[in-house]
C-alpha atoms as a PDB file:
ATOM      1  CA  MET A   1    -252.484  62.330 -73.874  1.00  0.00           C
ATOM      2  CA  TRP A   2    -253.183  61.034 -77.377  1.00  0.00           C
ATOM      3  CA  ARG A   3    -256.283  58.856 -77.754  1.00  0.00           C
ATOM      4  CA  ASP A   4    -256.431  56.150 -80.394  1.00  0.00           C
ATOM      5  CA  PRO A   5    -259.918  56.041 -81.961  1.00  0.00           C
ATOM      6  CA  ILE A   6    -259.496  52.384 -82.959  1.00  0.00           C
ATOM      7  CA  VAL A   7    -258.624  51.324 -79.414  1.00  0.00           C
ATOM      8  CA  GLU A   8    -261.568  53.345 -78.101  1.00  0.00           C
ATOM      9  CA  GLU A   9    -263.898  51.590 -80.562  1.00  0.00           C
ATOM     10  CA  VAL A  10    -262.588  48.154 -79.539  1.00  0.00           C
ATOM     11  CA  HIS A  11    -263.172  49.010 -75.875  1.00  0.00           C
ATOM     12  CA  ARG A  12    -266.678  50.304 -76.624  1.00  0.00           C
ATOM     13  CA  VAL A  13    -267.660  47.183 -78.589  1.00  0.00           C
ATOM     14  CA  ARG A  14    -266.136  44.911 -75.948  1.00  0.00           C
ATOM     15  CA  ASP A  15    -268.122  46.659 -73.230  1.00  0.00           C
ATOM     16  CA  GLU A  16    -271.347  46.423 -75.260  1.00  0.00           C
ATOM     17  CA  GLN A  17    -270.846  42.668 -75.700  1.00  0.00           C
ATOM     18  CA  ALA A  18    -270.035  42.166 -72.018  1.00  0.00           C
ATOM     19  CA  LYS A  19    -273.071  44.208 -70.987  1.00  0.00           C
ATOM     20  CA  LYS A  20    -275.297  42.153 -73.332  1.00  0.00           C
ATOM     21  CA  PHE A  21    -274.385  39.021 -71.344  1.00  0.00           C
ATOM     22  CA  GLY A  22    -274.426  40.633 -67.911  1.00  0.00           C
ATOM     23  CA  TYR A  23    -270.612  40.567 -67.797  1.00  0.00           C
ATOM     24  CA  ASP A  24    -270.807  36.742 -67.624  1.00  0.00           C
ATOM     25  CA  LEU A  25    -267.797  35.368 -69.488  1.00  0.00           C
ATOM     26  CA  HIS A  26    -269.236  31.853 -69.670  1.00  0.00           C
ATOM     27  CA  ALA A  27    -272.440  33.122 -71.305  1.00  0.00           C
ATOM     28  CA  LEU A  28    -270.436  35.209 -73.783  1.00  0.00           C
ATOM     29  CA  CYS A  29    -268.236  32.234 -74.736  1.00  0.00           C
ATOM     30  CA  GLU A  30    -271.292  29.988 -75.113  1.00  0.00           C
ATOM     31  CA  ASP A  31    -272.802  32.508 -77.529  1.00  0.00           C
ATOM     32  CA  ILE A  32    -269.572  32.541 -79.556  1.00  0.00           C
ATOM     33  CA  ARG A  33    -269.568  28.711 -79.695  1.00  0.00           C
ATOM     34  CA  LYS A  34    -273.180  28.698 -80.945  1.00  0.00           C
ATOM     35  CA  LYS A  35    -272.320  31.228 -83.656  1.00  0.00           C
ATOM     36  CA  GLU A  36    -269.286  29.186 -84.710  1.00  0.00           C
ATOM     37  CA  ALA A  37    -271.399  26.007 -84.920  1.00  0.00           C
ATOM     38  CA  THR A  38    -273.956  27.615 -87.238  1.00  0.00           C
ATOM     39  CA  SER A  39    -271.483  29.590 -89.330  1.00  0.00           C
ATOM     40  CA  ALA A  40    -270.420  28.497 -92.801  1.00  0.00           C
ATOM     41  CA  ARG A  41    -266.876  29.516 -91.888  1.00  0.00           C
ATOM     42  CA  LYS A  42    -264.559  27.014 -90.288  1.00  0.00           C
ATOM     43  CA  PRO A  43    -262.949  28.253 -87.060  1.00  0.00           C
ATOM     44  CA  VAL A  44    -259.164  28.144 -86.924  1.00  0.00           C
ATOM     45  CA  THR A  45    -257.785  25.636 -84.452  1.00  0.00           C
ATOM     46  CA  ARG A  46    -254.141  25.034 -83.795  1.00  0.00           C
ATOM     47  CA  GLU A  47    -252.148  22.377 -82.034  1.00  0.00           C
ATOM     48  CA  PRO A  48    -250.912  23.416 -78.598  1.00  0.00           C
ATOM     49  CA  ARG A  49    -247.330  24.601 -78.581  1.00  0.00           C
ATOM     50  CA  LYS A  50    -244.769  22.237 -77.186  1.00  0.00           C
ATOM     51  CA  PRO A  51    -242.776  23.755 -74.341  1.00  0.00           C
ATOM     52  CA  ALA A  52    -239.274  24.868 -75.219  1.00  0.00           C
ATOM     53  CA  ILE A  53    -236.561  22.652 -73.795  1.00  0.00           C
ATOM     54  CA  HIS A  54    -233.715  24.636 -72.302  1.00  0.00           C
ATOM     55  CA  ASP A  55    -230.336  23.093 -71.654  1.00  0.00           C
ATOM     56  CA  ALA A  56    -229.257  23.664 -68.059  1.00  0.00           C
ATOM     57  CA  ALA A  57    -225.585  23.470 -69.004  1.00  0.00           C
END
């Protein structure tokens, strides 16, 4: 089976980040929010999508 080195790197980095926060998603997200708040970059936010309306005809 072919192994994609980019996918393997993404999985490795993701696991390192999760391990750093004891696999606690809330702690990881809080860290991201703190970094966003102190960053000079503006995070991208988008309006929620409106649900598609399907005609039941």
